[in-house]
């Protein structure tokens, strides 16, 4: 995962100090891009451990169309677990301030992906279903896009979408995905985002009968929070040099109906060797 370390190094070296809505402060750069060939291995960070279990189940949660943190907790940790999720802080600090209860986070990613524009008796657009139909019938279409950025709903969301939209392209029988991320927490968030969109590419490619191609990230405000700067510097030390990438084990998937709990539970990374974990507090 040299590409990830290059992003970290660039922000640490050239980033400008800035205030932000959380009050923590950042080093920031505007506009970056990176690319991974998914045929060369699954892009999980190796200079620090990626906690893949919460990552894959967050994607499950998005694809199910859920926007409730209690549902995410059950998907990730089991029916009776009280373990926290990466969305608990957003629920407690933002969703409750909006008046939401019982774990509801507002019309965030899952709602937009599966029910964009839903209101009253109108169920909205199932964008995931639509892109699968496009990929199967019109793979040369240049508008195979899913958007989570819905201006009508932004004020009702516990967190505005950081990864705003993504686009699929088929070239030579290979499915590639590019996502645009308006706001990028490089140390904590980006490794999750990379792995999540890599897994999504594998899933959609399998459903549509394609091989996997490239994964492309385009970042807007790319930043490292000040409370994670020392940990980010630790990543660049020679003793944390990148290791070979793991491979993805995923059962055969034929349709969206196959994406149940058993399917996501069985997904895992084979030969995932990594250096130790590095922790930092999430800025909310």
C-alpha atoms as a PDB file:
ATOM      1  CA  UNK A   1       0.000   0.000   0.000  1.00  0.00           C
ATOM      2  CA  UNK A   2       2.680   2.453  -1.026  1.00  0.00           C
ATOM      3  CA  UNK A   3      -0.037   4.648  -2.547  1.00  0.00           C
ATOM      4  CA  UNK A   4      -1.580   5.206   0.874  1.00  0.00           C
ATOM      5  CA  UNK A   5       1.764   6.060   2.460  1.00  0.00           C
ATOM      6  CA  UNK A   6       2.444   8.529  -0.365  1.00  0.00           C
ATOM      7  CA  UNK A   7      -0.812  10.317   0.528  1.00  0.00           C
ATOM      8  CA  UNK A   8       0.162  10.426   4.214  1.00  0.00           C
ATOM      9  CA  UNK A   9       3.637  11.757   3.384  1.00  0.00           C
ATOM     10  CA  UNK A  10       2.297  14.427   1.026  1.00  0.00           C
ATOM     11  CA  UNK A  11      -0.144  15.811   3.602  1.00  0.00           C
ATOM     12  CA  UNK A  12       2.466  15.784   6.383  1.00  0.00           C
ATOM     13  CA  UNK A  13       5.046  17.468   4.148  1.00  0.00           C
ATOM     14  CA  UNK A  14       2.932  19.981   2.257  1.00  0.00           C
ATOM     15  CA  UNK A  15      -0.282  20.324   4.268  1.00  0.00           C
ATOM     16  CA  UNK A  16      -1.421  23.718   5.554  1.00  0.00           C
ATOM     17  CA  UNK A  17      -2.589  24.104   9.146  1.00  0.00           C
ATOM     18  CA  UNK A  18      -6.286  24.848   9.367  1.00  0.00           C
ATOM     19  CA  UNK A  19      -9.182  25.012  11.788  1.00  0.00           C
ATOM     20  CA  UNK A  20     -12.220  22.790  11.194  1.00  0.00           C
ATOM     21  CA  UNK A  21     -15.748  22.187  12.463  1.00  0.00           C
ATOM     22  CA  UNK A  22     -14.580  19.664  15.097  1.00  0.00           C
ATOM     23  CA  UNK A  23     -12.209  22.111  16.771  1.00  0.00           C
ATOM     24  CA  UNK A  24      -9.314  19.622  16.577  1.00  0.00           C
ATOM     25  CA  UNK A  25      -7.550  21.282  13.651  1.00  0.00           C
ATOM     26  CA  UNK A  26      -5.909  19.699  10.609  1.00  0.00           C
ATOM     27  CA  UNK A  27      -3.098  19.678   8.106  1.00  0.00           C
ATOM     28  CA  UNK A  28      -4.866  19.877   4.756  1.00  0.00           C
ATOM     29  CA  UNK A  29      -4.324  19.738   0.997  1.00  0.00           C
ATOM     30  CA  UNK A  30      -6.965  20.295  -1.657  1.00  0.00           C
ATOM     31  CA  UNK A  31      -7.092  17.804  -4.507  1.00  0.00           C
ATOM     32  CA  UNK A  32      -5.269  14.449  -4.702  1.00  0.00           C
ATOM     33  CA  UNK A  33      -5.658  11.156  -6.559  1.00  0.00           C
ATOM     34  CA  UNK A  34      -4.457   7.555  -6.212  1.00  0.00           C
ATOM     35  CA  UNK A  35      -5.025   4.296  -8.098  1.00  0.00           C
ATOM     36  CA  UNK A  36      -4.902   0.582  -7.257  1.00  0.00           C
ATOM     37  CA  UNK A  37      -4.998  -2.375  -9.672  1.00  0.00           C
ATOM     38  CA  UNK A  38      -7.322  -4.778  -7.871  1.00  0.00           C
ATOM     39  CA  UNK A  39      -5.884  -7.740  -9.774  1.00  0.00           C
ATOM     40  CA  UNK A  40      -2.628  -7.219  -7.854  1.00  0.00           C
ATOM     41  CA  UNK A  41      -4.180  -7.807  -4.432  1.00  0.00           C
ATOM     42  CA  UNK A  42      -6.726  -6.391  -2.044  1.00  0.00           C
ATOM     43  CA  UNK A  43      -5.741  -2.841  -0.990  1.00  0.00           C
ATOM     44  CA  UNK A  44      -5.717  -3.229   2.784  1.00  0.00           C
ATOM     45  CA  UNK A  45      -3.190  -1.112   4.658  1.00  0.00           C
ATOM     46  CA  UNK A  46      -0.198  -3.159   5.804  1.00  0.00           C
ATOM     47  CA  UNK A  47       1.826  -0.473   7.615  1.00  0.00           C
ATOM     48  CA  UNK A  48      -0.924  -0.582  10.204  1.00  0.00           C
ATOM     49  CA  UNK A  49      -3.744  -3.049  10.745  1.00  0.00           C
ATOM     50  CA  UNK A  50      -7.029  -2.553   8.939  1.00  0.00           C
ATOM     51  CA  UNK A  51      -9.957  -3.773  11.050  1.00  0.00           C
ATOM     52  CA  UNK A  52     -11.767  -5.410   8.173  1.00  0.00           C
ATOM     53  CA  UNK A  53     -14.770  -6.767  10.075  1.00  0.00           C
ATOM     54  CA  UNK A  54     -16.395  -3.377  10.842  1.00  0.00           C
ATOM     55  CA  UNK A  55     -15.414  -2.197   7.364  1.00  0.00           C
ATOM     56  CA  UNK A  56     -17.181  -4.994   5.486  1.00  0.00           C
ATOM     57  CA  UNK A  57     -20.280  -4.784   7.666  1.00  0.00           C
ATOM     58  CA  UNK A  58     -20.535  -1.026   7.197  1.00  0.00           C
ATOM     59  CA  UNK A  59     -20.713  -1.736   3.441  1.00  0.00           C
ATOM     60  CA  UNK A  60     -23.389  -4.358   4.142  1.00  0.00           C
ATOM     61  CA  UNK A  61     -25.291  -1.700   6.082  1.00  0.00           C
ATOM     62  CA  UNK A  62     -25.061   0.793   3.216  1.00  0.00           C
ATOM     63  CA  UNK A  63     -26.167  -1.796   0.654  1.00  0.00           C
ATOM     64  CA  UNK A  64     -29.122  -2.827   2.779  1.00  0.00           C
ATOM     65  CA  UNK A  65     -30.282   0.783   2.759  1.00  0.00           C
ATOM     66  CA  UNK A  66     -30.222   1.051   6.547  1.00  0.00           C
ATOM     67  CA  UNK A  67     -29.503   4.294   8.384  1.00  0.00           C
ATOM     68  CA  UNK A  68     -29.830   2.985  11.935  1.00  0.00           C
ATOM     69  CA  UNK A  69     -26.747   2.509  14.089  1.00  0.00           C
ATOM     70  CA  UNK A  70     -28.412  -0.299  16.062  1.00  0.00           C
ATOM     71  CA  UNK A  71     -28.743  -2.298  12.832  1.00  0.00           C
ATOM     72  CA  UNK A  72     -25.055  -1.741  12.094  1.00  0.00           C
ATOM     73  CA  UNK A  73     -24.131  -2.938  15.577  1.00  0.00           C
ATOM     74  CA  UNK A  74     -26.065  -6.193  15.105  1.00  0.00           C
ATOM     75  CA  UNK A  75     -24.572  -6.778  11.659  1.00  0.00           C
ATOM     76  CA  UNK A  76     -21.036  -6.239  12.934  1.00  0.00           C
ATOM     77  CA  UNK A  77     -20.970  -7.666  16.442  1.00  0.00           C
ATOM     78  CA  UNK A  78     -24.049  -9.852  16.802  1.00  0.00           C
ATOM     79  CA  UNK A  79     -27.567  -9.597  18.143  1.00  0.00           C
ATOM     80  CA  UNK A  80     -26.786  -9.071  21.820  1.00  0.00           C
ATOM     81  CA  UNK A  81     -23.502  -7.176  21.651  1.00  0.00           C
ATOM     82  CA  UNK A  82     -23.088  -3.735  23.203  1.00  0.00           C
ATOM     83  CA  UNK A  83     -19.831  -3.008  21.341  1.00  0.00           C
ATOM     84  CA  UNK A  84     -19.631   0.397  19.751  1.00  0.00           C
ATOM     85  CA  UNK A  85     -19.541   1.112  16.034  1.00  0.00           C
ATOM     86  CA  UNK A  86     -17.764   3.850  14.094  1.00  0.00           C
ATOM     87  CA  UNK A  87     -21.133   5.623  13.801  1.00  0.00           C
ATOM     88  CA  UNK A  88     -21.994   5.777  17.522  1.00  0.00           C
ATOM     89  CA  UNK A  89     -20.276   9.115  18.078  1.00  0.00           C
ATOM     90  CA  UNK A  90     -22.135  10.629  15.142  1.00  0.00           C
ATOM     91  CA  UNK A  91     -25.400   9.372  16.578  1.00  0.00           C
ATOM     92  CA  UNK A  92     -24.697  10.688  20.059  1.00  0.00           C
ATOM     93  CA  UNK A  93     -23.228  14.038  18.997  1.00  0.00           C
ATOM     94  CA  UNK A  94     -25.160  14.934  15.841  1.00  0.00           C
ATOM     95  CA  UNK A  95     -28.232  12.737  15.374  1.00  0.00           C
ATOM     96  CA  UNK A  96     -29.637  13.332  18.852  1.00  0.00           C
ATOM     97  CA  UNK A  97     -29.168  17.087  18.375  1.00  0.00           C
ATOM     98  CA  UNK A  98     -31.413  16.792  15.312  1.00  0.00           C
ATOM     99  CA  UNK A  99     -34.051  15.129  17.482  1.00  0.00           C
ATOM    100  CA  UNK A 100     -33.498  11.574  16.251  1.00  0.00           C
ATOM    101  CA  UNK A 101     -33.943   8.617  18.601  1.00  0.00           C
ATOM    102  CA  UNK A 102     -33.630   4.812  18.609  1.00  0.00           C
ATOM    103  CA  UNK A 103     -30.379   4.831  16.609  1.00  0.00           C
ATOM    104  CA  UNK A 104     -31.641   6.729  13.563  1.00  0.00           C
ATOM    105  CA  UNK A 105     -29.019   8.865  11.779  1.00  0.00           C
ATOM    106  CA  UNK A 106     -31.188  10.568   9.190  1.00  0.00           C
ATOM    107  CA  UNK A 107     -31.132   9.984   5.404  1.00  0.00           C
ATOM    108  CA  UNK A 108     -27.414   9.135   5.157  1.00  0.00           C
ATOM    109  CA  UNK A 109     -25.592   6.809   2.744  1.00  0.00           C
ATOM    110  CA  UNK A 110     -27.855   3.756   2.766  1.00  0.00           C
ATOM    111  CA  UNK A 111     -30.958   5.859   2.179  1.00  0.00           C
ATOM    112  CA  UNK A 112     -29.365   7.729  -0.707  1.00  0.00           C
ATOM    113  CA  UNK A 113     -27.884   4.612  -2.325  1.00  0.00           C
ATOM    114  CA  UNK A 114     -31.122   2.616  -2.244  1.00  0.00           C
ATOM    115  CA  UNK A 115     -33.924   5.234  -2.005  1.00  0.00           C
ATOM    116  CA  UNK A 116     -32.609   8.521  -3.419  1.00  0.00           C
ATOM    117  CA  UNK A 117     -35.322  11.193  -3.344  1.00  0.00           C
ATOM    118  CA  UNK A 118     -37.792   9.087  -1.341  1.00  0.00           C
ATOM    119  CA  UNK A 119     -40.589  11.139   0.154  1.00  0.00           C
ATOM    120  CA  UNK A 120     -44.063  10.217   1.351  1.00  0.00           C
ATOM    121  CA  UNK A 121     -45.405   7.393  -0.825  1.00  0.00           C
ATOM    122  CA  UNK A 122     -42.569   7.796  -3.347  1.00  0.00           C
ATOM    123  CA  UNK A 123     -39.903   5.174  -2.689  1.00  0.00           C
ATOM    124  CA  UNK A 124     -37.154   6.999  -4.546  1.00  0.00           C
ATOM    125  CA  UNK A 125     -34.478   5.653  -6.887  1.00  0.00           C
ATOM    126  CA  UNK A 126     -32.616   2.455  -6.043  1.00  0.00           C
ATOM    127  CA  UNK A 127     -29.288   3.584  -7.445  1.00  0.00           C
ATOM    128  CA  UNK A 128     -27.478   0.302  -6.741  1.00  0.00           C
ATOM    129  CA  UNK A 129     -30.084  -1.705  -8.626  1.00  0.00           C
ATOM    130  CA  UNK A 130     -29.984   0.817 -11.456  1.00  0.00           C
ATOM    131  CA  UNK A 131     -26.195   0.694 -11.933  1.00  0.00           C
ATOM    132  CA  UNK A 132     -26.300  -3.109 -12.026  1.00  0.00           C
ATOM    133  CA  UNK A 133     -28.906  -2.926 -14.808  1.00  0.00           C
ATOM    134  CA  UNK A 134     -26.758  -0.386 -16.668  1.00  0.00           C
ATOM    135  CA  UNK A 135     -23.614  -2.489 -16.317  1.00  0.00           C
ATOM    136  CA  UNK A 136     -25.416  -5.536 -17.680  1.00  0.00           C
ATOM    137  CA  UNK A 137     -27.166  -3.815 -20.583  1.00  0.00           C
ATOM    138  CA  UNK A 138     -25.150  -0.687 -21.432  1.00  0.00           C
ATOM    139  CA  UNK A 139     -21.595  -1.205 -20.153  1.00  0.00           C
ATOM    140  CA  UNK A 140     -20.232   1.609 -22.362  1.00  0.00           C
ATOM    141  CA  UNK A 141     -22.505   4.181 -20.679  1.00  0.00           C
ATOM    142  CA  UNK A 142     -20.501   7.070 -19.194  1.00  0.00           C
ATOM    143  CA  UNK A 143     -23.173   7.824 -16.598  1.00  0.00           C
ATOM    144  CA  UNK A 144     -23.071   4.735 -14.359  1.00  0.00           C
ATOM    145  CA  UNK A 145     -22.999   6.763 -11.156  1.00  0.00           C
ATOM    146  CA  UNK A 146     -24.288   6.531  -7.583  1.00  0.00           C
ATOM    147  CA  UNK A 147     -24.647   9.779  -5.637  1.00  0.00           C
ATOM    148  CA  UNK A 148     -24.961  10.133  -1.876  1.00  0.00           C
ATOM    149  CA  UNK A 149     -24.966  13.933  -2.091  1.00  0.00           C
ATOM    150  CA  UNK A 150     -28.604  15.023  -2.045  1.00  0.00           C
ATOM    151  CA  UNK A 151     -28.888  18.762  -1.240  1.00  0.00           C
ATOM    152  CA  UNK A 152     -32.520  18.334  -0.212  1.00  0.00           C
ATOM    153  CA  UNK A 153     -31.510  15.994   2.644  1.00  0.00           C
ATOM    154  CA  UNK A 154     -28.190  17.410   3.847  1.00  0.00           C
ATOM    155  CA  UNK A 155     -29.591  19.339   6.812  1.00  0.00           C
ATOM    156  CA  UNK A 156     -31.369  16.220   8.059  1.00  0.00           C
ATOM    157  CA  UNK A 157     -28.266  14.022   8.087  1.00  0.00           C
ATOM    158  CA  UNK A 158     -26.229  13.295  11.216  1.00  0.00           C
ATOM    159  CA  UNK A 159     -23.166  13.530   8.953  1.00  0.00           C
ATOM    160  CA  UNK A 160     -23.038  14.891   5.427  1.00  0.00           C
ATOM    161  CA  UNK A 161     -21.570  12.349   2.988  1.00  0.00           C
ATOM    162  CA  UNK A 162     -17.777  12.456   2.917  1.00  0.00           C
ATOM    163  CA  UNK A 163     -17.564  10.079  -0.043  1.00  0.00           C
ATOM    164  CA  UNK A 164     -20.126  11.827  -2.219  1.00  0.00           C
ATOM    165  CA  UNK A 165     -20.474   9.741  -5.363  1.00  0.00           C
ATOM    166  CA  UNK A 166     -18.861   6.933  -7.327  1.00  0.00           C
ATOM    167  CA  UNK A 167     -18.708   5.934 -10.977  1.00  0.00           C
ATOM    168  CA  UNK A 168     -18.328   2.547 -12.656  1.00  0.00           C
ATOM    169  CA  UNK A 169     -16.571   2.005 -15.994  1.00  0.00           C
ATOM    170  CA  UNK A 170     -16.119  -1.228 -17.980  1.00  0.00           C
ATOM    171  CA  UNK A 171     -12.990  -1.458 -20.140  1.00  0.00           C
ATOM    172  CA  UNK A 172     -11.868  -4.714 -21.788  1.00  0.00           C
ATOM    173  CA  UNK A 173     -14.234  -6.758 -19.639  1.00  0.00           C
ATOM    174  CA  UNK A 174     -12.904  -5.301 -16.387  1.00  0.00           C
ATOM    175  CA  UNK A 175     -14.945  -3.252 -13.954  1.00  0.00           C
ATOM    176  CA  UNK A 176     -13.281  -0.187 -12.468  1.00  0.00           C
ATOM    177  CA  UNK A 177     -14.635   2.210  -9.864  1.00  0.00           C
ATOM    178  CA  UNK A 178     -13.703   5.794  -9.047  1.00  0.00           C
ATOM    179  CA  UNK A 179     -15.076   7.615  -6.029  1.00  0.00           C
ATOM    180  CA  UNK A 180     -14.939  11.288  -5.162  1.00  0.00           C
ATOM    181  CA  UNK A 181     -14.427  12.127  -1.518  1.00  0.00           C
ATOM    182  CA  UNK A 182     -15.058  15.757  -0.593  1.00  0.00           C
ATOM    183  CA  UNK A 183     -13.582  15.323   2.907  1.00  0.00           C
ATOM    184  CA  UNK A 184     -10.863  12.789   3.690  1.00  0.00           C
ATOM    185  CA  UNK A 185      -9.637  11.830   7.165  1.00  0.00           C
ATOM    186  CA  UNK A 186      -6.405  10.292   5.911  1.00  0.00           C
ATOM    187  CA  UNK A 187      -5.297   8.498   9.065  1.00  0.00           C
ATOM    188  CA  UNK A 188      -8.534   6.941  10.361  1.00  0.00           C
ATOM    189  CA  UNK A 189     -11.066   7.104   7.543  1.00  0.00           C
ATOM    190  CA  UNK A 190      -9.252   6.610   4.254  1.00  0.00           C
ATOM    191  CA  UNK A 191      -8.038   3.017   4.869  1.00  0.00           C
ATOM    192  CA  UNK A 192     -11.693   2.054   5.539  1.00  0.00           C
ATOM    193  CA  UNK A 193     -12.872   3.877   2.415  1.00  0.00           C
ATOM    194  CA  UNK A 194     -10.273   2.215   0.194  1.00  0.00           C
ATOM    195  CA  UNK A 195     -11.142  -1.271   1.457  1.00  0.00           C
ATOM    196  CA  UNK A 196     -14.895  -0.623   1.319  1.00  0.00           C
ATOM    197  CA  UNK A 197     -14.895   0.533  -2.292  1.00  0.00           C
ATOM    198  CA  UNK A 198     -12.535  -2.278  -3.271  1.00  0.00           C
ATOM    199  CA  UNK A 199     -14.984  -4.780  -1.787  1.00  0.00           C
ATOM    200  CA  UNK A 200     -17.920  -3.054  -3.487  1.00  0.00           C
ATOM    201  CA  UNK A 201     -16.113  -3.304  -6.830  1.00  0.00           C
ATOM    202  CA  UNK A 202     -15.578  -7.033  -6.334  1.00  0.00           C
ATOM    203  CA  UNK A 203     -19.243  -7.548  -5.413  1.00  0.00           C
ATOM    204  CA  UNK A 204     -20.690  -5.600  -8.343  1.00  0.00           C
ATOM    205  CA  UNK A 205     -18.201  -7.150 -10.767  1.00  0.00           C
ATOM    206  CA  UNK A 206     -19.258 -10.633  -9.665  1.00  0.00           C
ATOM    207  CA  UNK A 207     -22.957  -9.834 -10.006  1.00  0.00           C
ATOM    208  CA  UNK A 208     -22.445  -8.426 -13.498  1.00  0.00           C
ATOM    209  CA  UNK A 209     -19.956 -11.004 -14.767  1.00  0.00           C
ATOM    210  CA  UNK A 210     -16.814  -8.878 -15.038  1.00  0.00           C
ATOM    211  CA  UNK A 211     -13.255  -9.138 -13.787  1.00  0.00           C
ATOM    212  CA  UNK A 212     -12.050  -6.397 -11.453  1.00  0.00           C
ATOM    213  CA  UNK A 213     -10.010  -3.530 -12.861  1.00  0.00           C
ATOM    214  CA  UNK A 214      -8.781  -0.365 -11.177  1.00  0.00           C
ATOM    215  CA  UNK A 215      -9.901   1.375  -8.020  1.00  0.00           C
ATOM    216  CA  UNK A 216      -9.410   5.142  -8.228  1.00  0.00           C
ATOM    217  CA  UNK A 217      -9.715   7.620  -5.376  1.00  0.00           C
ATOM    218  CA  UNK A 218     -10.095  11.352  -5.912  1.00  0.00           C
ATOM    219  CA  UNK A 219      -9.915  13.457  -2.779  1.00  0.00           C
ATOM    220  CA  UNK A 220     -11.121  17.010  -2.217  1.00  0.00           C
ATOM    221  CA  UNK A 221     -10.142  18.316   1.222  1.00  0.00           C
ATOM    222  CA  UNK A 222      -7.499  15.761   2.182  1.00  0.00           C
ATOM    223  CA  UNK A 223      -6.429  16.151   5.789  1.00  0.00           C
ATOM    224  CA  UNK A 224      -4.778  14.648   8.843  1.00  0.00           C
ATOM    225  CA  UNK A 225      -6.202  15.745  12.177  1.00  0.00           C
ATOM    226  CA  UNK A 226      -3.652  17.250  14.552  1.00  0.00           C
ATOM    227  CA  UNK A 227      -4.381  14.566  17.139  1.00  0.00           C
ATOM    228  CA  UNK A 228      -3.168  11.942  14.635  1.00  0.00           C
ATOM    229  CA  UNK A 229      -0.060  13.664  13.249  1.00  0.00           C
ATOM    230  CA  UNK A 230       2.429  11.722  15.394  1.00  0.00           C
ATOM    231  CA  UNK A 231       0.733   8.423  14.561  1.00  0.00           C
ATOM    232  CA  UNK A 232       0.850   9.332  10.854  1.00  0.00           C
ATOM    233  CA  UNK A 233       4.577  10.022  11.131  1.00  0.00           C
ATOM    234  CA  UNK A 234       5.001   6.603  12.761  1.00  0.00           C
ATOM    235  CA  UNK A 235       3.502   4.998   9.627  1.00  0.00           C
ATOM    236  CA  UNK A 236       6.357   6.327   7.521  1.00  0.00           C
ATOM    237  CA  UNK A 237       9.155   4.786   9.572  1.00  0.00           C
ATOM    238  CA  UNK A 238      11.292   2.157   7.784  1.00  0.00           C
ATOM    239  CA  UNK A 239      10.265  -0.544  10.248  1.00  0.00           C
ATOM    240  CA  UNK A 240       6.689  -0.179   8.982  1.00  0.00           C
ATOM    241  CA  UNK A 241       7.553  -0.669   5.314  1.00  0.00           C
ATOM    242  CA  UNK A 242       4.636  -2.002   3.206  1.00  0.00           C
ATOM    243  CA  UNK A 243       4.095  -5.770   3.093  1.00  0.00           C
ATOM    244  CA  UNK A 244       2.593  -7.850   0.250  1.00  0.00           C
ATOM    245  CA  UNK A 245      -1.138  -7.303  -0.196  1.00  0.00           C
ATOM    246  CA  UNK A 246      -3.646  -9.940   0.903  1.00  0.00           C
ATOM    247  CA  UNK A 247      -6.219 -11.563  -1.351  1.00  0.00           C
ATOM    248  CA  UNK A 248      -9.969 -11.389  -0.920  1.00  0.00           C
ATOM    249  CA  UNK A 249     -12.059 -14.467  -0.210  1.00  0.00           C
ATOM    250  CA  UNK A 250     -15.678 -13.855  -1.183  1.00  0.00           C
ATOM    251  CA  UNK A 251     -18.422 -16.383  -1.977  1.00  0.00           C
ATOM    252  CA  UNK A 252     -19.986 -16.296  -5.435  1.00  0.00           C
ATOM    253  CA  UNK A 253     -22.670 -13.625  -5.652  1.00  0.00           C
ATOM    254  CA  UNK A 254     -25.327 -13.569  -8.375  1.00  0.00           C
ATOM    255  CA  UNK A 255     -27.644 -10.775  -7.287  1.00  0.00           C
ATOM    256  CA  UNK A 256     -28.344  -8.245  -4.570  1.00  0.00           C
ATOM    257  CA  UNK A 257     -30.493 -10.893  -2.891  1.00  0.00           C
ATOM    258  CA  UNK A 258     -27.324 -12.850  -2.067  1.00  0.00           C
ATOM    259  CA  UNK A 259     -25.953 -10.046   0.084  1.00  0.00           C
ATOM    260  CA  UNK A 260     -27.209 -11.372   3.403  1.00  0.00           C
ATOM    261  CA  UNK A 261     -25.562 -11.704   6.814  1.00  0.00           C
ATOM    262  CA  UNK A 262     -24.073 -15.101   6.007  1.00  0.00           C
ATOM    263  CA  UNK A 263     -22.461 -13.734   2.847  1.00  0.00           C
ATOM    264  CA  UNK A 264     -20.740 -10.834   4.618  1.00  0.00           C
ATOM    265  CA  UNK A 265     -19.745 -12.955   7.622  1.00  0.00           C
ATOM    266  CA  UNK A 266     -17.900 -15.339   5.306  1.00  0.00           C
ATOM    267  CA  UNK A 267     -15.852 -12.663   3.521  1.00  0.00           C
ATOM    268  CA  UNK A 268     -12.274 -12.455   4.750  1.00  0.00           C
ATOM    269  CA  UNK A 269      -8.763 -11.506   3.741  1.00  0.00           C
ATOM    270  CA  UNK A 270      -6.312 -14.323   3.042  1.00  0.00           C
ATOM    271  CA  UNK A 271      -2.625 -13.948   3.911  1.00  0.00           C
ATOM    272  CA  UNK A 272      -3.159 -10.546   5.477  1.00  0.00           C
ATOM    273  CA  UNK A 273       0.165  -9.693   7.100  1.00  0.00           C
ATOM    274  CA  UNK A 274       0.500  -6.264   8.661  1.00  0.00           C
ATOM    275  CA  UNK A 275       2.360  -4.201  11.219  1.00  0.00           C
ATOM    276  CA  UNK A 276       0.719  -3.345  14.533  1.00  0.00           C
ATOM    277  CA  UNK A 277      -2.312  -1.133  14.912  1.00  0.00           C
ATOM    278  CA  UNK A 278      -2.023   2.598  15.578  1.00  0.00           C
ATOM    279  CA  UNK A 279      -4.864   4.363  17.393  1.00  0.00           C
ATOM    280  CA  UNK A 280      -6.131   7.944  17.310  1.00  0.00           C
ATOM    281  CA  UNK A 281      -9.331   9.515  18.610  1.00  0.00           C
ATOM    282  CA  UNK A 282     -11.997  10.152  15.965  1.00  0.00           C
ATOM    283  CA  UNK A 283     -12.720  13.856  15.534  1.00  0.00           C
ATOM    284  CA  UNK A 284     -16.451  14.507  15.608  1.00  0.00           C
END
